[in-house]
Amino acid sequence: MSRYLKILAATLTLSTLAACTSTPLTPSSPQRLPPSSTSPSTTITPPGTAGAQGGLSRATLEAAGNACEKVVANAVKSRYPQPGSVMMMPDRERIYQQSATQAGVNGEGTFEPDASDEAMSFRYTCLFNTRTNRVDDVQMRY
C-alpha cells in the first residue's frame, strides 16, 4: 500500500508541475453582443461621403473600429478595476471619416462592475489617426 501512495504522490506532483508550466492566458478582447435581427450591424460610412478629401478605405475604417474598441475596453477596466465582462454593441457603432487623416467611431457598450451590481451602459467617441494607426482621443460617458 505504501508503494501505491508513493506512485500517487509522484503522479500528483508531476501533474501539478505540468499545470504550472502551461502558457498563461492572454487577455481577451472586448466581447461583441450579437446584433438583434431587426437592428443593423456596425455602420461604416463609405469613403468620400463624410466631406473629407481622399477618402479612407473600408479596411482602414474597420481598423479604426477595432483599435477604438480595445482602447475603450481598457478605459473601462482602468476606471472600474474589476469590470467583469465588457461588451460592445456592434449594432450601435458608427465608423466614419472625420478628416483626411482621422476616422471617428461612436458607439455603445455595457459592462458589469462586479458580481453584485447590475450591468452599466456607456457611450464613447473615439478618434483614430490613420497616419500613425493609433487612437488619438477617447471620450467616455457612463
C-alpha atoms as a PDB file:
ATOM      1  CA  MET A   1       0.000   0.000   0.000  1.00  0.00           C
ATOM      2  CA  SER A   2       2.848   2.357   0.729  1.00  0.00           C
ATOM      3  CA  ARG A   3       4.223   1.917  -2.807  1.00  0.00           C
ATOM      4  CA  TYR A   4       0.804   2.844  -4.216  1.00  0.00           C
ATOM      5  CA  LEU A   5       0.790   6.079  -2.170  1.00  0.00           C
ATOM      6  CA  LYS A   6       4.288   6.991  -3.411  1.00  0.00           C
ATOM      7  CA  ILE A   7       3.226   6.488  -7.039  1.00  0.00           C
ATOM      8  CA  LEU A   8       0.072   8.515  -6.442  1.00  0.00           C
ATOM      9  CA  ALA A   9       2.071  11.327  -4.792  1.00  0.00           C
ATOM     10  CA  ALA A  10       4.579  11.359  -7.661  1.00  0.00           C
ATOM     11  CA  THR A  11       1.783  11.489 -10.229  1.00  0.00           C
ATOM     12  CA  LEU A  12       0.080  14.366  -8.443  1.00  0.00           C
ATOM     13  CA  THR A  13       3.365  16.260  -8.177  1.00  0.00           C
ATOM     14  CA  LEU A  14       4.084  15.814 -11.883  1.00  0.00           C
ATOM     15  CA  SER A  15       0.601  16.891 -12.911  1.00  0.00           C
ATOM     16  CA  THR A  16       0.842  19.959 -10.656  1.00  0.00           C
ATOM     17  CA  LEU A  17       4.203  20.898 -12.163  1.00  0.00           C
ATOM     18  CA  ALA A  18       2.839  20.399 -15.672  1.00  0.00           C
ATOM     19  CA  ALA A  19      -0.021  22.764 -14.893  1.00  0.00           C
ATOM     20  CA  CYS A  20       2.440  25.392 -13.644  1.00  0.00           C
ATOM     21  CA  THR A  21       4.423  25.315 -16.875  1.00  0.00           C
ATOM     22  CA  SER A  22       1.468  25.822 -19.200  1.00  0.00           C
ATOM     23  CA  THR A  23       1.246  29.067 -21.119  1.00  0.00           C
ATOM     24  CA  PRO A  24      -0.607  31.897 -19.367  1.00  0.00           C
ATOM     25  CA  LEU A  25      -3.964  33.008 -20.708  1.00  0.00           C
ATOM     26  CA  THR A  26      -3.833  36.072 -22.901  1.00  0.00           C
ATOM     27  CA  PRO A  27      -6.182  38.942 -22.085  1.00  0.00           C
ATOM     28  CA  SER A  28      -9.329  38.681 -24.123  1.00  0.00           C
ATOM     29  CA  SER A  29     -10.505  41.407 -26.395  1.00  0.00           C
ATOM     30  CA  PRO A  30     -13.871  43.016 -25.704  1.00  0.00           C
ATOM     31  CA  GLN A  31     -16.848  40.821 -26.455  1.00  0.00           C
ATOM     32  CA  ARG A  32     -19.356  41.849 -29.069  1.00  0.00           C
ATOM     33  CA  LEU A  33     -23.004  41.357 -28.356  1.00  0.00           C
ATOM     34  CA  PRO A  34     -24.744  39.756 -31.325  1.00  0.00           C
ATOM     35  CA  PRO A  35     -26.854  42.275 -33.184  1.00  0.00           C
ATOM     36  CA  SER A  36     -30.576  41.796 -32.940  1.00  0.00           C
ATOM     37  CA  SER A  37     -32.364  40.614 -36.063  1.00  0.00           C
ATOM     38  CA  THR A  38     -34.141  43.954 -36.524  1.00  0.00           C
ATOM     39  CA  SER A  39     -31.155  46.246 -35.937  1.00  0.00           C
ATOM     40  CA  PRO A  40     -28.372  46.945 -38.426  1.00  0.00           C
ATOM     41  CA  SER A  41     -24.817  45.932 -37.591  1.00  0.00           C
ATOM     42  CA  THR A  42     -21.909  48.389 -37.389  1.00  0.00           C
ATOM     43  CA  THR A  43     -22.428  51.299 -39.748  1.00  0.00           C
ATOM     44  CA  ILE A  44     -19.391  52.222 -41.805  1.00  0.00           C
ATOM     45  CA  THR A  45     -19.826  55.435 -43.748  1.00  0.00           C
ATOM     46  CA  PRO A  46     -18.305  54.850 -47.200  1.00  0.00           C
ATOM     47  CA  PRO A  47     -15.206  56.911 -48.071  1.00  0.00           C
ATOM     48  CA  GLY A  48     -15.881  60.272 -49.629  1.00  0.00           C
ATOM     49  CA  THR A  49     -19.334  60.758 -48.086  1.00  0.00           C
ATOM     50  CA  ALA A  50     -18.082  62.452 -44.921  1.00  0.00           C
ATOM     51  CA  GLY A  51     -16.868  65.523 -46.780  1.00  0.00           C
ATOM     52  CA  ALA A  52     -13.131  64.874 -46.420  1.00  0.00           C
ATOM     53  CA  GLN A  53     -10.866  64.658 -49.430  1.00  0.00           C
ATOM     54  CA  GLY A  54      -9.090  61.458 -50.419  1.00  0.00           C
ATOM     55  CA  GLY A  55     -11.427  59.006 -48.740  1.00  0.00           C
ATOM     56  CA  LEU A  56     -10.315  56.291 -46.346  1.00  0.00           C
ATOM     57  CA  SER A  57     -10.647  52.664 -47.352  1.00  0.00           C
ATOM     58  CA  ARG A  58     -13.176  50.384 -45.716  1.00  0.00           C
ATOM     59  CA  ALA A  59     -10.270  48.346 -44.263  1.00  0.00           C
ATOM     60  CA  THR A  60      -8.845  51.497 -42.641  1.00  0.00           C
ATOM     61  CA  LEU A  61     -12.224  52.368 -41.151  1.00  0.00           C
ATOM     62  CA  GLU A  62     -12.604  48.812 -39.810  1.00  0.00           C
ATOM     63  CA  ALA A  63      -9.086  49.020 -38.303  1.00  0.00           C
ATOM     64  CA  ALA A  64     -10.171  52.245 -36.594  1.00  0.00           C
ATOM     65  CA  GLY A  65     -13.211  50.489 -35.146  1.00  0.00           C
ATOM     66  CA  ASN A  66     -11.139  47.592 -33.807  1.00  0.00           C
ATOM     67  CA  ALA A  67      -8.470  49.870 -32.294  1.00  0.00           C
ATOM     68  CA  CYS A  68     -11.084  52.080 -30.648  1.00  0.00           C
ATOM     69  CA  GLU A  69     -12.895  49.081 -29.143  1.00  0.00           C
ATOM     70  CA  LYS A  70      -9.668  47.920 -27.480  1.00  0.00           C
ATOM     71  CA  VAL A  71      -8.884  51.374 -26.075  1.00  0.00           C
ATOM     72  CA  VAL A  72     -12.465  51.788 -24.833  1.00  0.00           C
ATOM     73  CA  ALA A  73     -12.384  48.394 -23.093  1.00  0.00           C
ATOM     74  CA  ASN A  74      -9.082  49.319 -21.415  1.00  0.00           C
ATOM     75  CA  ALA A  75     -10.548  52.670 -20.308  1.00  0.00           C
ATOM     76  CA  VAL A  76     -13.493  50.879 -18.669  1.00  0.00           C
ATOM     77  CA  LYS A  77     -11.125  48.441 -16.961  1.00  0.00           C
ATOM     78  CA  SER A  78      -8.910  51.244 -15.644  1.00  0.00           C
ATOM     79  CA  ARG A  79     -11.889  53.148 -14.206  1.00  0.00           C
ATOM     80  CA  TYR A  80     -13.502  50.012 -12.775  1.00  0.00           C
ATOM     81  CA  PRO A  81     -10.643  47.650 -11.819  1.00  0.00           C
ATOM     82  CA  GLN A  82     -12.921  44.585 -11.671  1.00  0.00           C
ATOM     83  CA  PRO A  83     -15.355  45.192 -14.548  1.00  0.00           C
ATOM     84  CA  GLY A  84     -16.347  41.583 -15.127  1.00  0.00           C
ATOM     85  CA  SER A  85     -17.084  41.493 -18.843  1.00  0.00           C
ATOM     86  CA  VAL A  86     -17.013  44.438 -21.247  1.00  0.00           C
ATOM     87  CA  MET A  87     -19.356  44.036 -24.216  1.00  0.00           C
ATOM     88  CA  MET A  88     -19.527  46.261 -27.268  1.00  0.00           C
ATOM     89  CA  MET A  89     -22.765  46.647 -29.245  1.00  0.00           C
ATOM     90  CA  PRO A  90     -21.950  46.494 -32.956  1.00  0.00           C
ATOM     91  CA  ASP A  91     -25.497  47.475 -33.894  1.00  0.00           C
ATOM     92  CA  ARG A  92     -24.911  50.813 -32.151  1.00  0.00           C
ATOM     93  CA  GLU A  93     -21.470  51.568 -33.572  1.00  0.00           C
ATOM     94  CA  ARG A  94     -20.826  54.093 -36.339  1.00  0.00           C
ATOM     95  CA  ILE A  95     -17.437  54.424 -38.031  1.00  0.00           C
ATOM     96  CA  TYR A  96     -16.870  57.395 -40.299  1.00  0.00           C
ATOM     97  CA  GLN A  97     -14.185  59.559 -41.878  1.00  0.00           C
ATOM     98  CA  GLN A  98     -13.533  62.569 -39.643  1.00  0.00           C
ATOM     99  CA  SER A  99     -10.842  64.202 -41.796  1.00  0.00           C
ATOM    100  CA  ALA A 100      -8.206  63.206 -44.348  1.00  0.00           C
ATOM    101  CA  THR A 101      -6.125  61.615 -41.564  1.00  0.00           C
ATOM    102  CA  GLN A 102      -8.691  60.715 -38.916  1.00  0.00           C
ATOM    103  CA  ALA A 103     -11.512  58.242 -38.581  1.00  0.00           C
ATOM    104  CA  GLY A 104     -14.177  58.646 -35.934  1.00  0.00           C
ATOM    105  CA  VAL A 105     -16.033  55.948 -34.047  1.00  0.00           C
ATOM    106  CA  ASN A 106     -19.191  56.471 -31.986  1.00  0.00           C
ATOM    107  CA  GLY A 107     -20.607  53.540 -30.107  1.00  0.00           C
ATOM    108  CA  GLU A 108     -22.144  51.994 -27.032  1.00  0.00           C
ATOM    109  CA  GLY A 109     -21.365  49.104 -24.742  1.00  0.00           C
ATOM    110  CA  THR A 110     -22.109  47.573 -21.362  1.00  0.00           C
ATOM    111  CA  PHE A 111     -20.112  46.084 -18.506  1.00  0.00           C
ATOM    112  CA  GLU A 112     -20.667  44.530 -15.122  1.00  0.00           C
ATOM    113  CA  PRO A 113     -18.778  46.449 -12.381  1.00  0.00           C
ATOM    114  CA  ASP A 114     -18.608  43.345 -10.167  1.00  0.00           C
ATOM    115  CA  ALA A 115     -20.641  40.279  -9.308  1.00  0.00           C
ATOM    116  CA  SER A 116     -23.053  42.187  -7.045  1.00  0.00           C
ATOM    117  CA  ASP A 117     -24.022  45.109  -9.316  1.00  0.00           C
ATOM    118  CA  GLU A 118     -26.204  45.333 -12.389  1.00  0.00           C
ATOM    119  CA  ALA A 119     -24.730  45.928 -15.823  1.00  0.00           C
ATOM    120  CA  MET A 120     -23.860  49.546 -16.644  1.00  0.00           C
ATOM    121  CA  SER A 121     -24.096  51.148 -20.087  1.00  0.00           C
ATOM    122  CA  PHE A 122     -21.648  53.590 -21.605  1.00  0.00           C
ATOM    123  CA  ARG A 123     -21.207  55.604 -24.793  1.00  0.00           C
ATOM    124  CA  TYR A 124     -17.943  56.525 -26.428  1.00  0.00           C
ATOM    125  CA  THR A 125     -16.484  58.728 -29.118  1.00  0.00           C
ATOM    126  CA  CYS A 126     -13.053  57.843 -30.446  1.00  0.00           C
ATOM    127  CA  LEU A 127     -10.667  59.473 -32.934  1.00  0.00           C
ATOM    128  CA  PHE A 128      -8.234  57.195 -34.800  1.00  0.00           C
ATOM    129  CA  ASN A 129      -5.182  58.668 -36.570  1.00  0.00           C
ATOM    130  CA  THR A 130      -4.742  56.893 -39.898  1.00  0.00           C
ATOM    131  CA  ARG A 131      -1.142  58.070 -40.306  1.00  0.00           C
ATOM    132  CA  THR A 132       0.083  56.647 -37.000  1.00  0.00           C
ATOM    133  CA  ASN A 133      -2.532  53.860 -36.747  1.00  0.00           C
ATOM    134  CA  ARG A 134      -3.185  54.892 -33.148  1.00  0.00           C
ATOM    135  CA  VAL A 135      -6.093  56.241 -31.186  1.00  0.00           C
ATOM    136  CA  ASP A 136      -5.705  59.991 -30.624  1.00  0.00           C
ATOM    137  CA  ASP A 137      -8.619  60.573 -28.235  1.00  0.00           C
ATOM    138  CA  VAL A 138     -11.428  58.742 -26.439  1.00  0.00           C
ATOM    139  CA  GLN A 139     -14.366  60.357 -24.670  1.00  0.00           C
ATOM    140  CA  MET A 140     -16.480  58.138 -22.403  1.00  0.00           C
ATOM    141  CA  ARG A 141     -19.938  58.786 -20.922  1.00  0.00           C
ATOM    142  CA  TYR A 142     -21.184  56.381 -18.236  1.00  0.00           C
END
